[in-house]
PDB file of N, CA and C in Angstrom:
ATOM      1  N   MET A   1      31.960  18.347  10.457  1.00  0.00           N
ATOM      2  CA  MET A   1      31.107  17.974  12.134  1.00  0.00           C
ATOM      3  C   MET A   1      29.780  18.795  12.014  1.00  0.00           C
ATOM      4  N   ASN A   2      29.757  20.263  11.243  1.00  0.00           N
ATOM      5  CA  ASN A   2      28.523  20.644  11.600  1.00  0.00           C
ATOM      6  C   ASN A   2      27.828  20.408  10.743  1.00  0.00           C
ATOM      7  N   ARG A   3      28.054  19.797   9.692  1.00  0.00           N
ATOM      8  CA  ARG A   3      26.980  19.065   8.634  1.00  0.00           C
ATOM      9  C   ARG A   3      26.206  17.892   9.285  1.00  0.00           C
ATOM     10  N   LEU A   4      27.018  17.005   9.865  1.00  0.00           N
ATOM     11  CA  LEU A   4      26.430  15.992  10.655  1.00  0.00           C
ATOM     12  C   LEU A   4      25.777  16.351  11.888  1.00  0.00           C
ATOM     13  N   THR A   5      25.985  17.076  12.751  1.00  0.00           N
ATOM     14  CA  THR A   5      25.290  17.749  13.424  1.00  0.00           C
ATOM     15  C   THR A   5      23.602  18.126  12.947  1.00  0.00           C
ATOM     16  N   ALA A   6      24.048  19.200  12.135  1.00  0.00           N
ATOM     17  CA  ALA A   6      22.495  19.320  11.721  1.00  0.00           C
ATOM     18  C   ALA A   6      21.588  18.349  10.653  1.00  0.00           C
ATOM     19  N   VAL A   7      22.425  17.210  10.473  1.00  0.00           N
ATOM     20  CA  VAL A   7      21.433  16.154  10.108  1.00  0.00           C
ATOM     21  C   VAL A   7      21.010  15.302  11.032  1.00  0.00           C
ATOM     22  N   PHE A   8      21.745  15.247  12.328  1.00  0.00           N
ATOM     23  CA  PHE A   8      21.072  14.634  13.177  1.00  0.00           C
ATOM     24  C   PHE A   8      20.022  15.336  13.631  1.00  0.00           C
ATOM     25  N   ALA A   9      20.200  17.057  13.830  1.00  0.00           N
ATOM     26  CA  ALA A   9      19.088  17.564  14.418  1.00  0.00           C
ATOM     27  C   ALA A   9      18.080  17.480  13.803  1.00  0.00           C
ATOM     28  N   ALA A  10      18.193  17.745  12.503  1.00  0.00           N
ATOM     29  CA  ALA A  10      16.789  17.579  11.405  1.00  0.00           C
ATOM     30  C   ALA A  10      16.186  16.083  11.381  1.00  0.00           C
ATOM     31  N   ALA A  11      16.862  15.057  11.824  1.00  0.00           N
ATOM     32  CA  ALA A  11      15.791  13.931  12.129  1.00  0.00           C
ATOM     33  C   ALA A  11      15.480  13.967  13.530  1.00  0.00           C
ATOM     34  N   ALA A  12      16.161  14.390  14.599  1.00  0.00           N
ATOM     35  CA  ALA A  12      15.263  14.568  16.006  1.00  0.00           C
ATOM     36  C   ALA A  12      13.969  14.897  15.797  1.00  0.00           C
ATOM     37  N   LEU A  13      14.160  16.444  15.244  1.00  0.00           N
ATOM     38  CA  LEU A  13      12.860  17.090  14.503  1.00  0.00           C
ATOM     39  C   LEU A  13      11.942  16.473  13.943  1.00  0.00           C
ATOM     40  N   THR A  14      12.139  15.611  12.948  1.00  0.00           N
ATOM     41  CA  THR A  14      11.106  14.827  12.159  1.00  0.00           C
ATOM     42  C   THR A  14      10.629  14.025  13.049  1.00  0.00           C
ATOM     43  N   LEU A  15      11.364  13.109  13.577  1.00  0.00           N
ATOM     44  CA  LEU A  15      11.078  11.938  14.705  1.00  0.00           C
ATOM     45  C   LEU A  15      10.289  12.829  15.492  1.00  0.00           C
ATOM     46  N   THR A  16      10.296  13.755  16.352  1.00  0.00           N
ATOM     47  CA  THR A  16       9.673  14.772  17.391  1.00  0.00           C
ATOM     48  C   THR A  16       8.092  15.051  16.940  1.00  0.00           C
ATOM     49  N   ALA A  17       8.290  15.358  15.417  1.00  0.00           N
ATOM     50  CA  ALA A  17       7.184  16.096  15.049  1.00  0.00           C
ATOM     51  C   ALA A  17       5.740  15.023  14.581  1.00  0.00           C
ATOM     52  N   GLY A  18       7.164  13.695  14.358  1.00  0.00           N
ATOM     53  CA  GLY A  18       5.608  12.213  13.816  1.00  0.00           C
ATOM     54  C   GLY A  18       5.150  11.961  15.146  1.00  0.00           C
ATOM     55  N   LEU A  19       5.710  12.085  16.307  1.00  0.00           N
ATOM     56  CA  LEU A  19       5.402  11.441  17.239  1.00  0.00           C
ATOM     57  C   LEU A  19       4.204  12.568  17.959  1.00  0.00           C
ATOM     58  N   ALA A  20       4.233  13.803  17.592  1.00  0.00           N
ATOM     59  CA  ALA A  20       3.653  14.391  18.263  1.00  0.00           C
ATOM     60  C   ALA A  20       1.985  14.666  17.466  1.00  0.00           C
ATOM     61  N   GLN A  21       2.091  14.063  16.509  1.00  0.00           N
ATOM     62  CA  GLN A  21       0.776  14.101  15.473  1.00  0.00           C
ATOM     63  C   GLN A  21      -0.421  13.085  16.006  1.00  0.00           C
ATOM     64  N   ALA A  22      -0.051  12.189  16.860  1.00  0.00           N
ATOM     65  CA  ALA A  22      -1.257  11.350  17.671  1.00  0.00           C
ATOM     66  C   ALA A  22      -1.445  11.913  19.053  1.00  0.00           C
ATOM     67  N   ARG A  23      -2.728  12.001  19.223  1.00  0.00           N
ATOM     68  CA  ARG A  23      -2.992  12.483  20.791  1.00  0.00           C
ATOM     69  C   ARG A  23      -4.255  11.564  21.333  1.00  0.00           C
ATOM     70  N   ASP A  24      -4.313  11.061  22.531  1.00  0.00           N
ATOM     71  CA  ASP A  24      -5.510  10.594  22.770  1.00  0.00           C
ATOM     72  C   ASP A  24      -6.506  11.121  22.777  1.00  0.00           C
ATOM     73  N   LEU A  25      -7.685  10.843  23.545  1.00  0.00           N
ATOM     74  CA  LEU A  25      -8.966  11.919  23.157  1.00  0.00           C
ATOM     75  C   LEU A  25      -9.301  11.014  24.763  1.00  0.00           C
ATOM     76  N   GLY A  26      -9.973  12.293  25.647  1.00  0.00           N
ATOM     77  CA  GLY A  26     -10.304  12.026  26.884  1.00  0.00           C
ATOM     78  C   GLY A  26     -11.870  11.194  26.570  1.00  0.00           C
ATOM     79  N   PRO A  27     -12.413  11.169  27.677  1.00  0.00           N
ATOM     80  CA  PRO A  27     -13.972  10.755  27.500  1.00  0.00           C
ATOM     81  C   PRO A  27     -14.809  11.775  26.993  1.00  0.00           C
ATOM     82  N   ASP A  28     -14.720  12.937  27.668  1.00  0.00           N
ATOM     83  CA  ASP A  28     -15.708  14.214  27.264  1.00  0.00           C
ATOM     84  C   ASP A  28     -15.581  14.706  26.051  1.00  0.00           C
ATOM     85  N   GLU A  29     -14.284  14.630  25.591  1.00  0.00           N
ATOM     86  CA  GLU A  29     -14.108  15.047  23.782  1.00  0.00           C
ATOM     87  C   GLU A  29     -14.579  13.550  22.875  1.00  0.00           C
ATOM     88  N   ALA A  30     -14.623  12.625  23.356  1.00  0.00           N
ATOM     89  CA  ALA A  30     -14.934  11.323  22.466  1.00  0.00           C
ATOM     90  C   ALA A  30     -16.448  11.667  22.576  1.00  0.00           C
ATOM     91  N   LEU A  31     -17.205  11.848  23.759  1.00  0.00           N
ATOM     92  CA  LEU A  31     -18.645  11.883  23.770  1.00  0.00           C
ATOM     93  C   LEU A  31     -19.028  13.211  22.849  1.00  0.00           C
ATOM     94  N   LYS A  32     -18.360  14.147  22.922  1.00  0.00           N
ATOM     95  CA  LYS A  32     -18.602  15.411  22.275  1.00  0.00           C
ATOM     96  C   LYS A  32     -18.947  14.946  20.680  1.00  0.00           C
ATOM     97  N   LEU A  33     -17.733  14.356  20.373  1.00  0.00           N
ATOM     98  CA  LEU A  33     -17.350  14.018  18.807  1.00  0.00           C
ATOM     99  C   LEU A  33     -18.781  13.049  18.334  1.00  0.00           C
ATOM    100  N   ARG A  34     -19.207  12.186  19.401  1.00  0.00           N
ATOM    101  CA  ARG A  34     -20.110  11.249  18.973  1.00  0.00           C
ATOM    102  C   ARG A  34     -21.635  12.073  19.060  1.00  0.00           C
ATOM    103  N   ASP A  35     -21.600  12.587  19.937  1.00  0.00           N
ATOM    104  CA  ASP A  35     -22.850  13.540  19.828  1.00  0.00           C
ATOM    105  C   ASP A  35     -22.917  14.299  18.693  1.00  0.00           C
ATOM    106  N   ALA A  36     -21.835  14.750  18.199  1.00  0.00           N
ATOM    107  CA  ALA A  36     -21.712  15.724  16.863  1.00  0.00           C
ATOM    108  C   ALA A  36     -21.866  14.881  15.748  1.00  0.00           C
ATOM    109  N   GLY A  37     -21.926  13.604  15.688  1.00  0.00           N
ATOM    110  CA  GLY A  37     -21.976  12.838  14.584  1.00  0.00           C
ATOM    111  C   GLY A  37     -20.560  12.555  13.989  1.00  0.00           C
ATOM    112  N   THR A  38     -19.631  13.018  13.939  1.00  0.00           N
ATOM    113  CA  THR A  38     -18.331  13.016  14.103  1.00  0.00           C
ATOM    114  C   THR A  38     -17.770  11.788  13.771  1.00  0.00           C
ATOM    115  N   ILE A  39     -18.029  11.036  14.774  1.00  0.00           N
ATOM    116  CA  ILE A  39     -17.288   9.645  14.519  1.00  0.00           C
ATOM    117  C   ILE A  39     -18.602   8.900  15.079  1.00  0.00           C
ATOM    118  N   GLN A  40     -18.303   7.391  14.898  1.00  0.00           N
ATOM    119  CA  GLN A  40     -19.653   6.320  14.566  1.00  0.00           C
ATOM    120  C   GLN A  40     -19.701   6.192  16.630  1.00  0.00           C
ATOM    121  N   THR A  41     -21.546   5.715  16.903  1.00  0.00           N
ATOM    122  CA  THR A  41     -21.296   5.602  18.338  1.00  0.00           C
ATOM    123  C   THR A  41     -20.204   4.290  18.581  1.00  0.00           C
ATOM    124  N   PHE A  42     -20.069   4.144  19.732  1.00  0.00           N
ATOM    125  CA  PHE A  42     -19.143   3.478  20.054  1.00  0.00           C
ATOM    126  C   PHE A  42     -19.482   2.057  20.230  1.00  0.00           C
ATOM    127  N   GLU A  43     -21.157   1.885  20.408  1.00  0.00           N
ATOM    128  CA  GLU A  43     -21.751   0.497  19.842  1.00  0.00           C
ATOM    129  C   GLU A  43     -21.343   0.010  18.452  1.00  0.00           C
ATOM    130  N   LYS A  44     -21.496   0.656  17.652  1.00  0.00           N
ATOM    131  CA  LYS A  44     -21.391   0.619  16.084  1.00  0.00           C
ATOM    132  C   LYS A  44     -20.178   0.260  16.233  1.00  0.00           C
ATOM    133  N   LEU A  45     -18.904   0.896  16.606  1.00  0.00           N
ATOM    134  CA  LEU A  45     -17.551   0.488  16.559  1.00  0.00           C
ATOM    135  C   LEU A  45     -17.097  -0.736  17.228  1.00  0.00           C
ATOM    136  N   ASN A  46     -17.928  -1.180  18.282  1.00  0.00           N
ATOM    137  CA  ASN A  46     -17.547  -2.478  19.205  1.00  0.00           C
ATOM    138  C   ASN A  46     -17.926  -3.491  18.072  1.00  0.00           C
ATOM    139  N   ALA A  47     -19.345  -3.266  17.508  1.00  0.00           N
ATOM    140  CA  ALA A  47     -20.226  -4.177  16.826  1.00  0.00           C
ATOM    141  C   ALA A  47     -19.031  -4.624  15.843  1.00  0.00           C
ATOM    142  N   VAL A  48     -18.448  -3.918  14.833  1.00  0.00           N
ATOM    143  CA  VAL A  48     -17.265  -3.857  13.578  1.00  0.00           C
ATOM    144  C   VAL A  48     -16.613  -4.988  14.184  1.00  0.00           C
ATOM    145  N   VAL A  49     -16.051  -4.507  15.445  1.00  0.00           N
ATOM    146  CA  VAL A  49     -14.776  -5.018  15.912  1.00  0.00           C
ATOM    147  C   VAL A  49     -15.270  -7.110  16.169  1.00  0.00           C
ATOM    148  N   LEU A  50     -16.531  -6.817  16.563  1.00  0.00           N
ATOM    149  CA  LEU A  50     -17.099  -8.114  17.296  1.00  0.00           C
ATOM    150  C   LEU A  50     -17.579  -9.285  15.998  1.00  0.00           C
ATOM    151  N   THR A  51     -17.501  -8.489  14.873  1.00  0.00           N
ATOM    152  CA  THR A  51     -17.913  -9.249  13.527  1.00  0.00           C
ATOM    153  C   THR A  51     -16.628  -9.539  13.278  1.00  0.00           C
ATOM    154  N   GLN A  52     -15.275  -9.142  13.501  1.00  0.00           N
ATOM    155  CA  GLN A  52     -14.319  -9.689  13.392  1.00  0.00           C
ATOM    156  C   GLN A  52     -13.992 -11.021  14.121  1.00  0.00           C
ATOM    157  N   HIS A  53     -14.055 -10.966  15.329  1.00  0.00           N
ATOM    158  CA  HIS A  53     -13.513 -11.983  16.094  1.00  0.00           C
ATOM    159  C   HIS A  53     -14.963 -12.122  17.015  1.00  0.00           C
ATOM    160  N   PRO A  54     -15.969 -13.377  16.116  1.00  0.00           N
ATOM    161  CA  PRO A  54     -16.961 -13.760  16.778  1.00  0.00           C
ATOM    162  C   PRO A  54     -17.120 -14.235  18.621  1.00  0.00           C
ATOM    163  N   GLY A  55     -17.829 -14.028  19.103  1.00  0.00           N
ATOM    164  CA  GLY A  55     -17.674 -14.999  20.171  1.00  0.00           C
ATOM    165  C   GLY A  55     -16.669 -14.003  21.179  1.00  0.00           C
ATOM    166  N   GLY A  56     -15.914 -13.150  21.165  1.00  0.00           N
ATOM    167  CA  GLY A  56     -14.911 -12.596  21.795  1.00  0.00           C
ATOM    168  C   GLY A  56     -15.304 -11.528  22.456  1.00  0.00           C
ATOM    169  N   ALA A  57     -14.342 -11.017  23.324  1.00  0.00           N
ATOM    170  CA  ALA A  57     -14.575 -10.070  24.684  1.00  0.00           C
ATOM    171  C   ALA A  57     -13.373  -8.959  24.303  1.00  0.00           C
ATOM    172  N   ILE A  58     -14.210  -7.746  24.219  1.00  0.00           N
ATOM    173  CA  ILE A  58     -13.752  -6.273  24.037  1.00  0.00           C
ATOM    174  C   ILE A  58     -13.097  -6.201  25.450  1.00  0.00           C
ATOM    175  N   GLU A  59     -11.824  -5.955  25.500  1.00  0.00           N
ATOM    176  CA  GLU A  59     -10.910  -5.462  26.827  1.00  0.00           C
ATOM    177  C   GLU A  59     -10.462  -4.347  26.744  1.00  0.00           C
ATOM    178  N   GLU A  60     -10.324  -3.783  26.109  1.00  0.00           N
ATOM    179  CA  GLU A  60      -9.776  -2.013  25.954  1.00  0.00           C
ATOM    180  C   GLU A  60     -10.356  -1.896  25.226  1.00  0.00           C
ATOM    181  N   THR A  61     -10.477  -0.141  25.235  1.00  0.00           N
ATOM    182  CA  THR A  61     -10.616   0.777  24.064  1.00  0.00           C
ATOM    183  C   THR A  61      -9.985   2.040  24.166  1.00  0.00           C
ATOM    184  N   GLU A  62      -9.818   2.826  23.342  1.00  0.00           N
ATOM    185  CA  GLU A  62      -9.127   4.115  23.271  1.00  0.00           C
ATOM    186  C   GLU A  62      -9.260   4.541  21.862  1.00  0.00           C
ATOM    187  N   LEU A  63      -9.422   6.127  21.881  1.00  0.00           N
ATOM    188  CA  LEU A  63      -9.976   6.994  20.686  1.00  0.00           C
ATOM    189  C   LEU A  63      -8.583   7.938  20.574  1.00  0.00           C
ATOM    190  N   GLU A  64      -8.113   7.985  19.792  1.00  0.00           N
ATOM    191  CA  GLU A  64      -7.053   8.892  19.277  1.00  0.00           C
ATOM    192  C   GLU A  64      -7.177   9.819  17.756  1.00  0.00           C
ATOM    193  N   GLU A  65      -6.775  10.847  17.947  1.00  0.00           N
ATOM    194  CA  GLU A  65      -6.576  11.627  16.825  1.00  0.00           C
ATOM    195  C   GLU A  65      -5.094  11.316  16.623  1.00  0.00           C
ATOM    196  N   GLU A  66      -5.109  11.077  15.020  1.00  0.00           N
ATOM    197  CA  GLU A  66      -3.781  10.683  14.141  1.00  0.00           C
ATOM    198  C   GLU A  66      -3.631  11.273  12.977  1.00  0.00           C
ATOM    199  N   TYR A  67      -3.104  12.590  13.231  1.00  0.00           N
ATOM    200  CA  TYR A  67      -2.908  13.131  11.428  1.00  0.00           C
ATOM    201  C   TYR A  67      -4.380  13.920  11.080  1.00  0.00           C
ATOM    202  N   GLY A  68      -5.002  14.176  11.971  1.00  0.00           N
ATOM    203  CA  GLY A  68      -6.442  14.515  11.812  1.00  0.00           C
ATOM    204  C   GLY A  68      -7.239  13.766  11.328  1.00  0.00           C
ATOM    205  N   ARG A  69      -7.236  12.440  11.565  1.00  0.00           N
ATOM    206  CA  ARG A  69      -7.974  11.231  11.868  1.00  0.00           C
ATOM    207  C   ARG A  69      -8.491  10.801  13.095  1.00  0.00           C
ATOM    208  N   TYR A  70      -9.622  10.236  13.424  1.00  0.00           N
ATOM    209  CA  TYR A  70      -9.917   9.441  14.297  1.00  0.00           C
ATOM    210  C   TYR A  70     -10.292   8.092  14.259  1.00  0.00           C
ATOM    211  N   ILE A  71      -9.046   7.547  15.298  1.00  0.00           N
ATOM    212  CA  ILE A  71      -8.847   6.230  15.089  1.00  0.00           C
ATOM    213  C   ILE A  71      -9.287   5.650  16.349  1.00  0.00           C
ATOM    214  N   TYR A  72     -10.061   4.726  15.826  1.00  0.00           N
ATOM    215  CA  TYR A  72     -10.732   3.866  17.735  1.00  0.00           C
ATOM    216  C   TYR A  72      -9.448   2.615  17.708  1.00  0.00           C
ATOM    217  N   GLN A  73      -8.965   2.428  18.599  1.00  0.00           N
ATOM    218  CA  GLN A  73      -8.378   1.178  18.866  1.00  0.00           C
ATOM    219  C   GLN A  73      -8.796   0.328  20.009  1.00  0.00           C
ATOM    220  N   VAL A  74      -8.805  -0.912  19.722  1.00  0.00           N
ATOM    221  CA  VAL A  74      -9.605  -1.901  20.691  1.00  0.00           C
ATOM    222  C   VAL A  74      -8.621  -3.177  20.855  1.00  0.00           C
ATOM    223  N   GLU A  75      -8.833  -3.158  21.656  1.00  0.00           N
ATOM    224  CA  GLU A  75      -8.213  -5.115  22.473  1.00  0.00           C
ATOM    225  C   GLU A  75      -9.208  -5.797  22.845  1.00  0.00           C
ATOM    226  N   VAL A  76      -9.302  -7.042  21.905  1.00  0.00           N
ATOM    227  CA  VAL A  76     -10.073  -7.807  21.957  1.00  0.00           C
ATOM    228  C   VAL A  76      -9.511  -9.328  22.240  1.00  0.00           C
ATOM    229  N   ARG A  77     -10.264 -10.210  23.143  1.00  0.00           N
ATOM    230  CA  ARG A  77     -10.014 -11.700  23.228  1.00  0.00           C
ATOM    231  C   ARG A  77     -11.005 -12.444  22.592  1.00  0.00           C
ATOM    232  N   ASP A  78     -10.663 -13.297  21.819  1.00  0.00           N
ATOM    233  CA  ASP A  78     -11.167 -14.342  20.813  1.00  0.00           C
ATOM    234  C   ASP A  78     -11.686 -15.248  21.855  1.00  0.00           C
ATOM    235  N   ALA A  79     -12.419 -15.817  21.033  1.00  0.00           N
ATOM    236  CA  ALA A  79     -13.098 -17.284  21.538  1.00  0.00           C
ATOM    237  C   ALA A  79     -12.153 -18.020  22.387  1.00  0.00           C
ATOM    238  N   GLN A  80     -11.029 -18.210  21.254  1.00  0.00           N
ATOM    239  CA  GLN A  80      -9.748 -19.138  22.079  1.00  0.00           C
ATOM    240  C   GLN A  80      -9.044 -18.575  22.863  1.00  0.00           C
ATOM    241  N   GLY A  81      -9.454 -17.596  23.141  1.00  0.00           N
ATOM    242  CA  GLY A  81      -8.304 -16.646  23.968  1.00  0.00           C
ATOM    243  C   GLY A  81      -7.200 -16.018  23.447  1.00  0.00           C
ATOM    244  N   VAL A  82      -7.046 -16.019  22.211  1.00  0.00           N
ATOM    245  CA  VAL A  82      -6.415 -14.856  21.870  1.00  0.00           C
ATOM    246  C   VAL A  82      -6.804 -13.241  21.816  1.00  0.00           C
ATOM    247  N   GLN A  83      -5.729 -12.767  21.808  1.00  0.00           N
ATOM    248  CA  GLN A  83      -5.640 -10.931  22.160  1.00  0.00           C
ATOM    249  C   GLN A  83      -5.259 -10.771  20.757  1.00  0.00           C
ATOM    250  N   TRP A  84      -6.348 -10.055  20.402  1.00  0.00           N
ATOM    251  CA  TRP A  84      -6.043  -9.021  19.211  1.00  0.00           C
ATOM    252  C   TRP A  84      -6.263  -7.392  19.002  1.00  0.00           C
ATOM    253  N   ASP A  85      -5.577  -6.864  18.251  1.00  0.00           N
ATOM    254  CA  ASP A  85      -5.613  -5.657  18.389  1.00  0.00           C
ATOM    255  C   ASP A  85      -6.016  -5.178  16.962  1.00  0.00           C
ATOM    256  N   VAL A  86      -7.189  -4.021  17.096  1.00  0.00           N
ATOM    257  CA  VAL A  86      -7.926  -3.795  16.189  1.00  0.00           C
ATOM    258  C   VAL A  86      -8.094  -2.284  16.101  1.00  0.00           C
ATOM    259  N   GLU A  87      -7.869  -1.765  14.958  1.00  0.00           N
ATOM    260  CA  GLU A  87      -8.048  -0.033  14.462  1.00  0.00           C
ATOM    261  C   GLU A  87      -8.543  -0.043  13.445  1.00  0.00           C
ATOM    262  N   LEU A  88      -9.848   1.126  14.306  1.00  0.00           N
ATOM    263  CA  LEU A  88     -10.818   1.434  12.956  1.00  0.00           C
ATOM    264  C   LEU A  88     -10.691   2.731  12.905  1.00  0.00           C
ATOM    265  N   ASP A  89     -11.385   3.385  11.696  1.00  0.00           N
ATOM    266  CA  ASP A  89     -11.324   4.818  11.505  1.00  0.00           C
ATOM    267  C   ASP A  89     -12.874   4.710  12.113  1.00  0.00           C
ATOM    268  N   ALA A  90     -13.039   5.680  13.198  1.00  0.00           N
ATOM    269  CA  ALA A  90     -13.915   6.329  13.645  1.00  0.00           C
ATOM    270  C   ALA A  90     -14.726   6.791  13.211  1.00  0.00           C
ATOM    271  N   THR A  91     -14.750   7.742  12.041  1.00  0.00           N
ATOM    272  CA  THR A  91     -15.660   8.246  11.456  1.00  0.00           C
ATOM    273  C   THR A  91     -16.354   7.079  10.748  1.00  0.00           C
ATOM    274  N   ASN A  92     -15.876   5.977  10.170  1.00  0.00           N
ATOM    275  CA  ASN A  92     -17.296   5.171   9.102  1.00  0.00           C
ATOM    276  C   ASN A  92     -16.774   3.751   9.815  1.00  0.00           C
ATOM    277  N   GLY A  93     -16.223   3.287  10.377  1.00  0.00           N
ATOM    278  CA  GLY A  93     -16.057   1.880  11.116  1.00  0.00           C
ATOM    279  C   GLY A  93     -15.088   1.225  10.199  1.00  0.00           C
ATOM    280  N   GLN A  94     -14.539   1.650   9.132  1.00  0.00           N
ATOM    281  CA  GLN A  94     -13.349   0.681   8.317  1.00  0.00           C
ATOM    282  C   GLN A  94     -12.255   0.464   9.279  1.00  0.00           C
ATOM    283  N   VAL A  95     -12.139  -1.220   8.856  1.00  0.00           N
ATOM    284  CA  VAL A  95     -10.945  -1.440   9.822  1.00  0.00           C
ATOM    285  C   VAL A  95      -9.812  -1.582   9.222  1.00  0.00           C
ATOM    286  N   LEU A  96      -8.900  -0.916   9.759  1.00  0.00           N
ATOM    287  CA  LEU A  96      -7.495  -0.376   9.316  1.00  0.00           C
ATOM    288  C   LEU A  96      -6.532  -1.467   9.684  1.00  0.00           C
ATOM    289  N   LYS A  97      -6.460  -2.090  11.014  1.00  0.00           N
ATOM    290  CA  LYS A  97      -5.590  -3.114  11.270  1.00  0.00           C
ATOM    291  C   LYS A  97      -6.363  -4.106  12.280  1.00  0.00           C
ATOM    292  N   ASN A  98      -5.902  -5.284  11.837  1.00  0.00           N
ATOM    293  CA  ASN A  98      -6.590  -6.564  12.824  1.00  0.00           C
ATOM    294  C   ASN A  98      -4.993  -7.100  12.843  1.00  0.00           C
ATOM    295  N   GLN A  99      -4.644  -7.406  14.092  1.00  0.00           N
ATOM    296  CA  GLN A  99      -3.774  -8.416  13.899  1.00  0.00           C
ATOM    297  C   GLN A  99      -3.570  -9.062  15.127  1.00  0.00           C
ATOM    298  N   GLN A 100      -3.081  -9.905  15.415  1.00  0.00           N
ATOM    299  CA  GLN A 100      -2.828 -10.855  16.702  1.00  0.00           C
ATOM    300  C   GLN A 100      -1.758 -10.139  17.596  1.00  0.00           C
ATOM    301  N   ASP A 101      -2.244  -9.561  18.768  1.00  0.00           N
ATOM    302  CA  ASP A 101      -1.081  -8.872  19.992  1.00  0.00           C
ATOM    303  C   ASP A 101      -0.006  -9.709  20.098  1.00  0.00           C
ATOM    304  N   ASP A 102       0.890  -9.399  20.117  1.00  0.00           N
ATOM    305  CA  ASP A 102       2.356  -9.906  20.273  1.00  0.00           C
ATOM    306  C   ASP A 102       2.899 -10.385  21.443  1.00  0.00           C
TER     307      ASP A 102
END
């Protein structure tokens, strides 16, 4: 029984540690990173998203730090009205994820 408890405790700690690896960045911190040249400008990042979905409209954006990497998350509605979730590496604009929203 003690072994089973230890396994569950280890699994819970691993899950908690994984969840703690992502944090939302507020507007002030995001602007500091942009001004320091650590991340691309939001205009450039948004332009990358819109090249993936021409004629689309950006509805929501968020900047997170995940495992030491800055991720720019965007919800965009394309010209046909379909909503997409796009994630970019905020330092270089590389598209990491581009999938239709469920």
